[in-house]
């Protein structure tokens, strides 16, 4: 497999704090590489460091705050685009003017911004300055700026943040289309795990500045546990029965629960009947990326 980014023991320090602590990653060529983790896990720092290193010449580097003894990265010079943390916009200029400035900085004086504006749904913004844009419009323009110059790799930090449901679908379809038709490699962080699971081909799960697991979408699906959604008349009685049967479960509310393992319905019904509890419904469901993530990292902080 060809990798466009490979890092070994990548470490980034802010004073005594290690924002990245020995990070090893491999980003396959043509992937949609999703980085997920709780707040403060190091997602944005990792994207920023990788983005900065990709802008350098090929080889091994020492970055400010990164110990050369702790960090090695292999890369070949690629055309890249990035939107990290928030779009860097000129508020007194239009979307078209912002794109033209970006193009000039990349040495593309004859660049026509109309196609990119249409791609992200901003073709009708006219003379409206970006300072008057909604948050969602700024996100769209940030993505357009990242796409100037037909990059090989695009880094997007929370690209659908602030978008309405229709906008989220449009950006998802845009990323998938560019990935499939132009073979652009995307490195994306997102706390909307359900949305990320719709587009990612590979995942990097982070916690406290470290990589907990790297896994591709097929491996992830095969590692999901069997899940069963239950509706009962009393989840307190259900908890007693499930503890007795030694089954892993999660109580959702007073009438709903999820069991994370196959079980004998007849045995459960028998145990529930003894407590005067009735099993109303049971449905097999797929374990979610969110559940898998929380199982690996623990807790319920935002991803």
C-alpha atoms as a PDB file:
ATOM      1  CA  UNK A   1       0.000   0.000   0.000  1.00  0.00           C
ATOM      2  CA  UNK A   2       1.236   3.492  -0.868  1.00  0.00           C
ATOM      3  CA  UNK A   3       1.223   6.061   1.944  1.00  0.00           C
ATOM      4  CA  UNK A   4       1.287   9.811   1.351  1.00  0.00           C
ATOM      5  CA  UNK A   5       2.113  10.566   5.012  1.00  0.00           C
ATOM      6  CA  UNK A   6       4.019   8.327   7.424  1.00  0.00           C
ATOM      7  CA  UNK A   7       5.134   9.559  10.835  1.00  0.00           C
ATOM      8  CA  UNK A   8       7.154   7.829  13.540  1.00  0.00           C
ATOM      9  CA  UNK A   9       7.246   8.926  17.206  1.00  0.00           C
ATOM     10  CA  UNK A  10       5.970  12.403  16.315  1.00  0.00           C
ATOM     11  CA  UNK A  11       6.071  14.566  19.449  1.00  0.00           C
ATOM     12  CA  UNK A  12       4.932  18.177  19.888  1.00  0.00           C
ATOM     13  CA  UNK A  13       5.478  20.081  23.125  1.00  0.00           C
ATOM     14  CA  UNK A  14       4.013  23.327  24.480  1.00  0.00           C
ATOM     15  CA  UNK A  15       6.296  24.030  27.417  1.00  0.00           C
ATOM     16  CA  UNK A  16       6.205  20.865  29.496  1.00  0.00           C
ATOM     17  CA  UNK A  17       2.899  19.686  28.021  1.00  0.00           C
ATOM     18  CA  UNK A  18       3.060  17.062  25.292  1.00  0.00           C
ATOM     19  CA  UNK A  19       0.268  17.814  22.854  1.00  0.00           C
ATOM     20  CA  UNK A  20       1.530  14.918  20.723  1.00  0.00           C
ATOM     21  CA  UNK A  21       3.255  12.034  22.437  1.00  0.00           C
ATOM     22  CA  UNK A  22       4.999   9.598  20.091  1.00  0.00           C
ATOM     23  CA  UNK A  23       2.440   9.578  17.279  1.00  0.00           C
ATOM     24  CA  UNK A  24       2.817   6.951  14.552  1.00  0.00           C
ATOM     25  CA  UNK A  25       0.418   7.243  11.619  1.00  0.00           C
ATOM     26  CA  UNK A  26       0.138   6.030   8.037  1.00  0.00           C
ATOM     27  CA  UNK A  27      -2.178   7.885   5.660  1.00  0.00           C
ATOM     28  CA  UNK A  28      -2.906   5.836   2.520  1.00  0.00           C
ATOM     29  CA  UNK A  29      -2.887   7.566  -0.860  1.00  0.00           C
ATOM     30  CA  UNK A  30      -6.430   8.398  -1.936  1.00  0.00           C
ATOM     31  CA  UNK A  31      -7.898   7.873   1.541  1.00  0.00           C
ATOM     32  CA  UNK A  32     -10.429   9.867   3.490  1.00  0.00           C
ATOM     33  CA  UNK A  33      -8.508   9.675   6.761  1.00  0.00           C
ATOM     34  CA  UNK A  34     -10.636  10.537   9.777  1.00  0.00           C
ATOM     35  CA  UNK A  35      -8.988  11.714  13.007  1.00  0.00           C
ATOM     36  CA  UNK A  36     -11.228  11.423  16.071  1.00  0.00           C
ATOM     37  CA  UNK A  37     -10.702  12.032  19.773  1.00  0.00           C
ATOM     38  CA  UNK A  38     -12.056  13.887  22.768  1.00  0.00           C
ATOM     39  CA  UNK A  39     -11.492  17.623  23.232  1.00  0.00           C
ATOM     40  CA  UNK A  40      -7.783  18.107  23.928  1.00  0.00           C
ATOM     41  CA  UNK A  41      -6.785  14.742  22.444  1.00  0.00           C
ATOM     42  CA  UNK A  42      -4.377  16.415  20.004  1.00  0.00           C
ATOM     43  CA  UNK A  43      -6.400  16.228  16.768  1.00  0.00           C
ATOM     44  CA  UNK A  44      -5.912  19.831  15.671  1.00  0.00           C
ATOM     45  CA  UNK A  45      -2.276  19.888  16.756  1.00  0.00           C
ATOM     46  CA  UNK A  46      -1.581  16.736  14.731  1.00  0.00           C
ATOM     47  CA  UNK A  47      -3.239  18.206  11.652  1.00  0.00           C
ATOM     48  CA  UNK A  48      -1.343  21.474  11.999  1.00  0.00           C
ATOM     49  CA  UNK A  49       2.043  19.748  12.418  1.00  0.00           C
ATOM     50  CA  UNK A  50       1.435  17.375   9.515  1.00  0.00           C
ATOM     51  CA  UNK A  51       0.278  20.255   7.358  1.00  0.00           C
ATOM     52  CA  UNK A  52       3.365  22.340   8.204  1.00  0.00           C
ATOM     53  CA  UNK A  53       5.693  19.431   7.517  1.00  0.00           C
ATOM     54  CA  UNK A  54       4.055  18.664   4.186  1.00  0.00           C
ATOM     55  CA  UNK A  55       4.788  22.243   3.105  1.00  0.00           C
ATOM     56  CA  UNK A  56       8.514  21.662   3.611  1.00  0.00           C
ATOM     57  CA  UNK A  57      10.926  19.861   1.298  1.00  0.00           C
ATOM     58  CA  UNK A  58      11.003  16.074   1.530  1.00  0.00           C
ATOM     59  CA  UNK A  59      13.119  14.574   4.284  1.00  0.00           C
ATOM     60  CA  UNK A  60      13.233  14.567   8.086  1.00  0.00           C
ATOM     61  CA  UNK A  61      12.628  17.706  10.096  1.00  0.00           C
ATOM     62  CA  UNK A  62      12.976  19.339  13.459  1.00  0.00           C
ATOM     63  CA  UNK A  63      10.060  21.650  14.192  1.00  0.00           C
ATOM     64  CA  UNK A  64       9.934  24.247  16.961  1.00  0.00           C
ATOM     65  CA  UNK A  65       8.720  22.404  20.043  1.00  0.00           C
ATOM     66  CA  UNK A  66       9.367  19.036  18.399  1.00  0.00           C
ATOM     67  CA  UNK A  67      12.436  17.141  19.543  1.00  0.00           C
ATOM     68  CA  UNK A  68      14.469  15.651  16.703  1.00  0.00           C
ATOM     69  CA  UNK A  69      15.144  12.686  18.961  1.00  0.00           C
ATOM     70  CA  UNK A  70      11.404  12.114  19.364  1.00  0.00           C
ATOM     71  CA  UNK A  71      10.179  12.838  15.871  1.00  0.00           C
ATOM     72  CA  UNK A  72      10.680  11.323  12.469  1.00  0.00           C
ATOM     73  CA  UNK A  73       8.429  11.827   9.475  1.00  0.00           C
ATOM     74  CA  UNK A  74       8.708  10.590   5.915  1.00  0.00           C
ATOM     75  CA  UNK A  75       7.080  12.604   3.204  1.00  0.00           C
ATOM     76  CA  UNK A  76       7.461  13.715  -0.376  1.00  0.00           C
ATOM     77  CA  UNK A  77       6.535  17.228  -1.372  1.00  0.00           C
ATOM     78  CA  UNK A  78       2.844  17.405  -2.260  1.00  0.00           C
ATOM     79  CA  UNK A  79       0.427  20.143  -3.209  1.00  0.00           C
ATOM     80  CA  UNK A  80      -1.703  20.644  -0.147  1.00  0.00           C
ATOM     81  CA  UNK A  81      -4.709  22.628   0.969  1.00  0.00           C
ATOM     82  CA  UNK A  82      -5.896  23.185   4.514  1.00  0.00           C
ATOM     83  CA  UNK A  83      -8.634  24.585   6.710  1.00  0.00           C
ATOM     84  CA  UNK A  84      -7.508  24.132  10.309  1.00  0.00           C
ATOM     85  CA  UNK A  85      -9.461  25.479  13.316  1.00  0.00           C
ATOM     86  CA  UNK A  86     -11.225  28.225  11.335  1.00  0.00           C
ATOM     87  CA  UNK A  87     -10.974  29.775   7.875  1.00  0.00           C
ATOM     88  CA  UNK A  88      -8.497  32.638   7.581  1.00  0.00           C
ATOM     89  CA  UNK A  89     -10.575  35.233   5.721  1.00  0.00           C
ATOM     90  CA  UNK A  90     -10.281  38.897   4.812  1.00  0.00           C
ATOM     91  CA  UNK A  91     -13.565  40.198   6.289  1.00  0.00           C
ATOM     92  CA  UNK A  92     -13.734  43.316   4.111  1.00  0.00           C
ATOM     93  CA  UNK A  93     -13.446  41.321   0.882  1.00  0.00           C
ATOM     94  CA  UNK A  94     -15.870  39.138  -1.040  1.00  0.00           C
ATOM     95  CA  UNK A  95     -15.618  35.363  -1.364  1.00  0.00           C
ATOM     96  CA  UNK A  96     -14.299  35.793  -4.899  1.00  0.00           C
ATOM     97  CA  UNK A  97     -11.629  38.245  -3.768  1.00  0.00           C
ATOM     98  CA  UNK A  98     -10.521  35.951  -0.945  1.00  0.00           C
ATOM     99  CA  UNK A  99     -10.101  33.098  -3.399  1.00  0.00           C
ATOM    100  CA  UNK A 100      -8.118  35.252  -5.825  1.00  0.00           C
ATOM    101  CA  UNK A 101      -5.711  36.330  -3.067  1.00  0.00           C
ATOM    102  CA  UNK A 102      -5.179  32.683  -2.149  1.00  0.00           C
ATOM    103  CA  UNK A 103      -4.534  31.846  -5.808  1.00  0.00           C
ATOM    104  CA  UNK A 104      -1.998  34.662  -6.160  1.00  0.00           C
ATOM    105  CA  UNK A 105      -0.171  33.417  -3.051  1.00  0.00           C
ATOM    106  CA  UNK A 106       0.094  30.026  -4.754  1.00  0.00           C
ATOM    107  CA  UNK A 107       1.378  31.537  -7.989  1.00  0.00           C
ATOM    108  CA  UNK A 108      -1.882  31.213  -9.945  1.00  0.00           C
ATOM    109  CA  UNK A 109      -2.578  34.760 -11.227  1.00  0.00           C
ATOM    110  CA  UNK A 110      -5.060  33.623 -13.911  1.00  0.00           C
ATOM    111  CA  UNK A 111      -7.200  31.617 -11.481  1.00  0.00           C
ATOM    112  CA  UNK A 112     -11.000  31.787 -12.000  1.00  0.00           C
ATOM    113  CA  UNK A 113     -12.869  31.371  -8.673  1.00  0.00           C
ATOM    114  CA  UNK A 114     -16.323  30.754 -10.172  1.00  0.00           C
ATOM    115  CA  UNK A 115     -16.071  26.952 -10.316  1.00  0.00           C
ATOM    116  CA  UNK A 116     -14.963  26.615  -6.689  1.00  0.00           C
ATOM    117  CA  UNK A 117     -17.664  29.002  -5.494  1.00  0.00           C
ATOM    118  CA  UNK A 118     -20.242  26.884  -7.283  1.00  0.00           C
ATOM    119  CA  UNK A 119     -18.773  23.681  -5.817  1.00  0.00           C
ATOM    120  CA  UNK A 120     -19.332  24.923  -2.243  1.00  0.00           C
ATOM    121  CA  UNK A 121     -22.629  26.688  -2.877  1.00  0.00           C
ATOM    122  CA  UNK A 122     -21.418  30.285  -2.678  1.00  0.00           C
ATOM    123  CA  UNK A 123     -21.836  31.312  -6.307  1.00  0.00           C
ATOM    124  CA  UNK A 124     -24.596  33.817  -5.465  1.00  0.00           C
ATOM    125  CA  UNK A 125     -22.841  35.791  -2.722  1.00  0.00           C
ATOM    126  CA  UNK A 126     -21.954  38.636  -5.111  1.00  0.00           C
ATOM    127  CA  UNK A 127     -20.488  41.718  -3.435  1.00  0.00           C
ATOM    128  CA  UNK A 128     -21.306  40.566   0.086  1.00  0.00           C
ATOM    129  CA  UNK A 129     -18.141  40.744   2.206  1.00  0.00           C
ATOM    130  CA  UNK A 130     -17.103  37.700   4.217  1.00  0.00           C
ATOM    131  CA  UNK A 131     -17.381  39.661   7.456  1.00  0.00           C
ATOM    132  CA  UNK A 132     -21.159  39.497   6.925  1.00  0.00           C
ATOM    133  CA  UNK A 133     -21.164  35.760   6.181  1.00  0.00           C
ATOM    134  CA  UNK A 134     -22.848  33.289   8.499  1.00  0.00           C
ATOM    135  CA  UNK A 135     -20.634  30.750  10.258  1.00  0.00           C
ATOM    136  CA  UNK A 136     -21.722  28.071   7.816  1.00  0.00           C
ATOM    137  CA  UNK A 137     -20.894  30.263   4.809  1.00  0.00           C
ATOM    138  CA  UNK A 138     -17.420  30.903   6.245  1.00  0.00           C
ATOM    139  CA  UNK A 139     -16.924  27.145   6.593  1.00  0.00           C
ATOM    140  CA  UNK A 140     -17.860  26.649   2.947  1.00  0.00           C
ATOM    141  CA  UNK A 141     -15.460  29.356   1.834  1.00  0.00           C
ATOM    142  CA  UNK A 142     -12.720  27.852   4.006  1.00  0.00           C
ATOM    143  CA  UNK A 143     -13.144  24.555   2.166  1.00  0.00           C
ATOM    144  CA  UNK A 144     -13.022  26.380  -1.181  1.00  0.00           C
ATOM    145  CA  UNK A 145      -9.782  28.100  -0.128  1.00  0.00           C
ATOM    146  CA  UNK A 146      -8.303  24.699   0.735  1.00  0.00           C
ATOM    147  CA  UNK A 147      -9.129  23.474  -2.774  1.00  0.00           C
ATOM    148  CA  UNK A 148      -7.398  26.312  -4.635  1.00  0.00           C
ATOM    149  CA  UNK A 149      -4.614  24.958  -6.834  1.00  0.00           C
ATOM    150  CA  UNK A 150      -5.960  21.385  -7.173  1.00  0.00           C
ATOM    151  CA  UNK A 151      -4.123  19.968  -4.130  1.00  0.00           C
ATOM    152  CA  UNK A 152      -3.100  16.327  -3.707  1.00  0.00           C
ATOM    153  CA  UNK A 153      -3.847  16.368   0.046  1.00  0.00           C
ATOM    154  CA  UNK A 154      -6.486  18.436   1.840  1.00  0.00           C
ATOM    155  CA  UNK A 155      -6.584  18.902   5.636  1.00  0.00           C
ATOM    156  CA  UNK A 156     -10.026  19.822   6.984  1.00  0.00           C
ATOM    157  CA  UNK A 157     -10.600  20.501  10.685  1.00  0.00           C
ATOM    158  CA  UNK A 158     -14.331  20.156  11.533  1.00  0.00           C
ATOM    159  CA  UNK A 159     -15.459  20.939   7.945  1.00  0.00           C
ATOM    160  CA  UNK A 160     -19.232  20.605   8.584  1.00  0.00           C
ATOM    161  CA  UNK A 161     -19.221  22.587  11.821  1.00  0.00           C
ATOM    162  CA  UNK A 162     -22.029  25.159  11.772  1.00  0.00           C
ATOM    163  CA  UNK A 163     -23.728  23.798   8.654  1.00  0.00           C
ATOM    164  CA  UNK A 164     -27.424  22.918   8.463  1.00  0.00           C
ATOM    165  CA  UNK A 165     -28.403  19.311   7.549  1.00  0.00           C
ATOM    166  CA  UNK A 166     -28.617  20.132   3.838  1.00  0.00           C
ATOM    167  CA  UNK A 167     -25.216  21.804   3.930  1.00  0.00           C
ATOM    168  CA  UNK A 168     -23.690  18.793   5.685  1.00  0.00           C
ATOM    169  CA  UNK A 169     -24.986  16.494   2.943  1.00  0.00           C
ATOM    170  CA  UNK A 170     -23.622  18.803   0.223  1.00  0.00           C
ATOM    171  CA  UNK A 171     -20.141  18.981   1.772  1.00  0.00           C
ATOM    172  CA  UNK A 172     -20.137  15.206   2.298  1.00  0.00           C
ATOM    173  CA  UNK A 173     -20.972  14.637  -1.367  1.00  0.00           C
ATOM    174  CA  UNK A 174     -18.336  17.186  -2.423  1.00  0.00           C
ATOM    175  CA  UNK A 175     -15.600  15.428  -0.428  1.00  0.00           C
ATOM    176  CA  UNK A 176     -16.608  12.025  -1.778  1.00  0.00           C
ATOM    177  CA  UNK A 177     -16.725  13.302  -5.366  1.00  0.00           C
ATOM    178  CA  UNK A 178     -13.309  14.975  -5.174  1.00  0.00           C
ATOM    179  CA  UNK A 179     -11.838  11.908  -3.499  1.00  0.00           C
ATOM    180  CA  UNK A 180     -13.179   9.498  -6.114  1.00  0.00           C
ATOM    181  CA  UNK A 181     -12.866  11.581  -9.258  1.00  0.00           C
ATOM    182  CA  UNK A 182      -9.637  13.493  -8.553  1.00  0.00           C
ATOM    183  CA  UNK A 183      -8.021  11.041  -6.103  1.00  0.00           C
ATOM    184  CA  UNK A 184      -7.520  13.788  -3.514  1.00  0.00           C
ATOM    185  CA  UNK A 185      -6.438  12.448  -0.137  1.00  0.00           C
ATOM    186  CA  UNK A 186      -8.454  14.051   2.688  1.00  0.00           C
ATOM    187  CA  UNK A 187      -7.349  14.224   6.322  1.00  0.00           C
ATOM    188  CA  UNK A 188     -10.416  15.215   8.332  1.00  0.00           C
ATOM    189  CA  UNK A 189     -11.173  15.735  12.011  1.00  0.00           C
ATOM    190  CA  UNK A 190     -14.771  15.820  13.161  1.00  0.00           C
ATOM    191  CA  UNK A 191     -16.739  15.446  16.382  1.00  0.00           C
ATOM    192  CA  UNK A 192     -19.813  14.407  14.355  1.00  0.00           C
ATOM    193  CA  UNK A 193     -18.851  10.745  14.300  1.00  0.00           C
ATOM    194  CA  UNK A 194     -21.957   9.518  12.512  1.00  0.00           C
ATOM    195  CA  UNK A 195     -21.213  11.884   9.628  1.00  0.00           C
ATOM    196  CA  UNK A 196     -17.522  10.967   9.541  1.00  0.00           C
ATOM    197  CA  UNK A 197     -18.434   7.272   9.370  1.00  0.00           C
ATOM    198  CA  UNK A 198     -20.271   7.967   6.094  1.00  0.00           C
ATOM    199  CA  UNK A 199     -17.129   9.091   4.266  1.00  0.00           C
ATOM    200  CA  UNK A 200     -13.984   7.848   6.021  1.00  0.00           C
ATOM    201  CA  UNK A 201     -11.972   4.970   4.565  1.00  0.00           C
ATOM    202  CA  UNK A 202      -9.481   4.989   7.450  1.00  0.00           C
ATOM    203  CA  UNK A 203      -9.479   6.164  11.060  1.00  0.00           C
ATOM    204  CA  UNK A 204      -6.977   7.435  13.596  1.00  0.00           C
ATOM    205  CA  UNK A 205      -8.381   7.338  17.131  1.00  0.00           C
ATOM    206  CA  UNK A 206      -6.529   9.638  19.557  1.00  0.00           C
ATOM    207  CA  UNK A 207      -6.507  10.105  23.311  1.00  0.00           C
ATOM    208  CA  UNK A 208      -4.239  12.399  25.370  1.00  0.00           C
ATOM    209  CA  UNK A 209      -1.888  13.107  22.473  1.00  0.00           C
ATOM    210  CA  UNK A 210      -1.423   9.457  21.537  1.00  0.00           C
ATOM    211  CA  UNK A 211      -2.796   7.221  18.817  1.00  0.00           C
ATOM    212  CA  UNK A 212      -4.995   4.601  20.465  1.00  0.00           C
ATOM    213  CA  UNK A 213      -5.749   2.795  17.227  1.00  0.00           C
ATOM    214  CA  UNK A 214      -5.438   3.065  13.455  1.00  0.00           C
ATOM    215  CA  UNK A 215      -8.022   1.052  11.588  1.00  0.00           C
ATOM    216  CA  UNK A 216      -9.617   1.051   8.141  1.00  0.00           C
ATOM    217  CA  UNK A 217     -13.369   1.079   7.560  1.00  0.00           C
ATOM    218  CA  UNK A 218     -13.580  -2.633   6.687  1.00  0.00           C
ATOM    219  CA  UNK A 219     -11.632  -3.650   9.789  1.00  0.00           C
ATOM    220  CA  UNK A 220     -13.818  -1.363  11.877  1.00  0.00           C
ATOM    221  CA  UNK A 221     -17.020  -2.930  10.610  1.00  0.00           C
ATOM    222  CA  UNK A 222     -15.751  -6.441  11.277  1.00  0.00           C
ATOM    223  CA  UNK A 223     -14.735  -5.493  14.830  1.00  0.00           C
ATOM    224  CA  UNK A 224     -18.158  -4.125  15.771  1.00  0.00           C
ATOM    225  CA  UNK A 225     -19.959  -6.226  18.354  1.00  0.00           C
ATOM    226  CA  UNK A 226     -23.470  -7.620  17.928  1.00  0.00           C
ATOM    227  CA  UNK A 227     -25.934  -5.135  19.395  1.00  0.00           C
ATOM    228  CA  UNK A 228     -29.572  -5.587  20.363  1.00  0.00           C
ATOM    229  CA  UNK A 229     -31.927  -2.721  21.149  1.00  0.00           C
ATOM    230  CA  UNK A 230     -34.537  -3.659  23.756  1.00  0.00           C
ATOM    231  CA  UNK A 231     -37.729  -2.085  25.012  1.00  0.00           C
ATOM    232  CA  UNK A 232     -38.980  -3.357  28.380  1.00  0.00           C
ATOM    233  CA  UNK A 233     -41.456  -2.262  31.031  1.00  0.00           C
ATOM    234  CA  UNK A 234     -38.759  -1.810  33.694  1.00  0.00           C
ATOM    235  CA  UNK A 235     -35.027  -1.320  32.998  1.00  0.00           C
ATOM    236  CA  UNK A 236     -34.154  -1.704  36.682  1.00  0.00           C
ATOM    237  CA  UNK A 237     -35.420  -5.269  36.543  1.00  0.00           C
ATOM    238  CA  UNK A 238     -33.653  -5.669  33.200  1.00  0.00           C
ATOM    239  CA  UNK A 239     -30.345  -4.628  34.773  1.00  0.00           C
ATOM    240  CA  UNK A 240     -30.707  -7.314  37.443  1.00  0.00           C
ATOM    241  CA  UNK A 241     -31.464  -9.961  34.799  1.00  0.00           C
ATOM    242  CA  UNK A 242     -28.575  -8.939  32.541  1.00  0.00           C
ATOM    243  CA  UNK A 243     -26.114  -8.860  35.434  1.00  0.00           C
ATOM    244  CA  UNK A 244     -27.251 -12.381  36.343  1.00  0.00           C
ATOM    245  CA  UNK A 245     -26.645 -13.512  32.732  1.00  0.00           C
ATOM    246  CA  UNK A 246     -23.242 -11.793  32.588  1.00  0.00           C
ATOM    247  CA  UNK A 247     -24.115  -9.722  29.505  1.00  0.00           C
ATOM    248  CA  UNK A 248     -22.559  -6.324  28.596  1.00  0.00           C
ATOM    249  CA  UNK A 249     -25.266  -3.674  28.261  1.00  0.00           C
ATOM    250  CA  UNK A 250     -26.144   0.015  28.438  1.00  0.00           C
ATOM    251  CA  UNK A 251     -29.349   1.458  29.865  1.00  0.00           C
ATOM    252  CA  UNK A 252     -30.629   4.284  27.657  1.00  0.00           C
ATOM    253  CA  UNK A 253     -33.666   5.335  29.689  1.00  0.00           C
ATOM    254  CA  UNK A 254     -36.372   3.777  31.882  1.00  0.00           C
ATOM    255  CA  UNK A 255     -37.677   1.596  29.048  1.00  0.00           C
ATOM    256  CA  UNK A 256     -34.778   1.214  26.573  1.00  0.00           C
ATOM    257  CA  UNK A 257     -31.414  -0.570  26.696  1.00  0.00           C
ATOM    258  CA  UNK A 258     -28.751  -1.997  24.386  1.00  0.00           C
ATOM    259  CA  UNK A 259     -27.136  -5.424  24.857  1.00  0.00           C
ATOM    260  CA  UNK A 260     -23.690  -5.820  23.248  1.00  0.00           C
ATOM    261  CA  UNK A 261     -23.635  -9.589  22.850  1.00  0.00           C
ATOM    262  CA  UNK A 262     -25.844 -12.359  21.479  1.00  0.00           C
ATOM    263  CA  UNK A 263     -28.107 -13.983  24.064  1.00  0.00           C
ATOM    264  CA  UNK A 264     -30.946 -16.468  24.491  1.00  0.00           C
ATOM    265  CA  UNK A 265     -34.240 -14.582  24.399  1.00  0.00           C
ATOM    266  CA  UNK A 266     -36.031 -17.407  26.232  1.00  0.00           C
ATOM    267  CA  UNK A 267     -33.561 -17.167  29.133  1.00  0.00           C
ATOM    268  CA  UNK A 268     -33.926 -13.372  29.321  1.00  0.00           C
ATOM    269  CA  UNK A 269     -37.733 -13.557  29.215  1.00  0.00           C
ATOM    270  CA  UNK A 270     -37.682 -16.131  32.013  1.00  0.00           C
ATOM    271  CA  UNK A 271     -35.443 -13.956  34.202  1.00  0.00           C
ATOM    272  CA  UNK A 272     -37.554 -10.869  33.521  1.00  0.00           C
ATOM    273  CA  UNK A 273     -40.818 -12.668  34.298  1.00  0.00           C
ATOM    274  CA  UNK A 274     -39.518 -13.545  37.741  1.00  0.00           C
ATOM    275  CA  UNK A 275     -39.260  -9.786  38.404  1.00  0.00           C
ATOM    276  CA  UNK A 276     -42.607  -8.913  36.839  1.00  0.00           C
ATOM    277  CA  UNK A 277     -40.914  -7.232  33.859  1.00  0.00           C
ATOM    278  CA  UNK A 278     -42.061  -7.725  30.274  1.00  0.00           C
ATOM    279  CA  UNK A 279     -39.902  -7.718  27.126  1.00  0.00           C
ATOM    280  CA  UNK A 280     -41.781  -5.580  24.592  1.00  0.00           C
ATOM    281  CA  UNK A 281     -39.438  -5.397  21.579  1.00  0.00           C
ATOM    282  CA  UNK A 282     -35.957  -6.500  20.538  1.00  0.00           C
ATOM    283  CA  UNK A 283     -34.098  -5.452  17.369  1.00  0.00           C
ATOM    284  CA  UNK A 284     -30.604  -6.252  16.147  1.00  0.00           C
ATOM    285  CA  UNK A 285     -28.662  -3.056  15.337  1.00  0.00           C
ATOM    286  CA  UNK A 286     -25.144  -2.171  14.212  1.00  0.00           C
ATOM    287  CA  UNK A 287     -22.678  -0.875  16.791  1.00  0.00           C
ATOM    288  CA  UNK A 288     -21.808   2.738  15.998  1.00  0.00           C
ATOM    289  CA  UNK A 289     -18.453   4.447  15.557  1.00  0.00           C
ATOM    290  CA  UNK A 290     -19.336   6.557  18.601  1.00  0.00           C
ATOM    291  CA  UNK A 291     -19.831   3.479  20.800  1.00  0.00           C
ATOM    292  CA  UNK A 292     -16.592   1.949  19.520  1.00  0.00           C
ATOM    293  CA  UNK A 293     -14.721   5.213  20.173  1.00  0.00           C
ATOM    294  CA  UNK A 294     -16.050   5.552  23.728  1.00  0.00           C
ATOM    295  CA  UNK A 295     -15.186   1.936  24.462  1.00  0.00           C
ATOM    296  CA  UNK A 296     -11.561   2.581  23.429  1.00  0.00           C
ATOM    297  CA  UNK A 297     -11.096   5.939  25.150  1.00  0.00           C
ATOM    298  CA  UNK A 298     -13.596   5.796  27.997  1.00  0.00           C
ATOM    299  CA  UNK A 299     -15.902   8.565  29.168  1.00  0.00           C
ATOM    300  CA  UNK A 300     -18.417  10.645  27.262  1.00  0.00           C
ATOM    301  CA  UNK A 301     -16.540  13.853  26.418  1.00  0.00           C
ATOM    302  CA  UNK A 302     -17.105  15.405  23.040  1.00  0.00           C
ATOM    303  CA  UNK A 303     -15.116  13.791  20.270  1.00  0.00           C
END
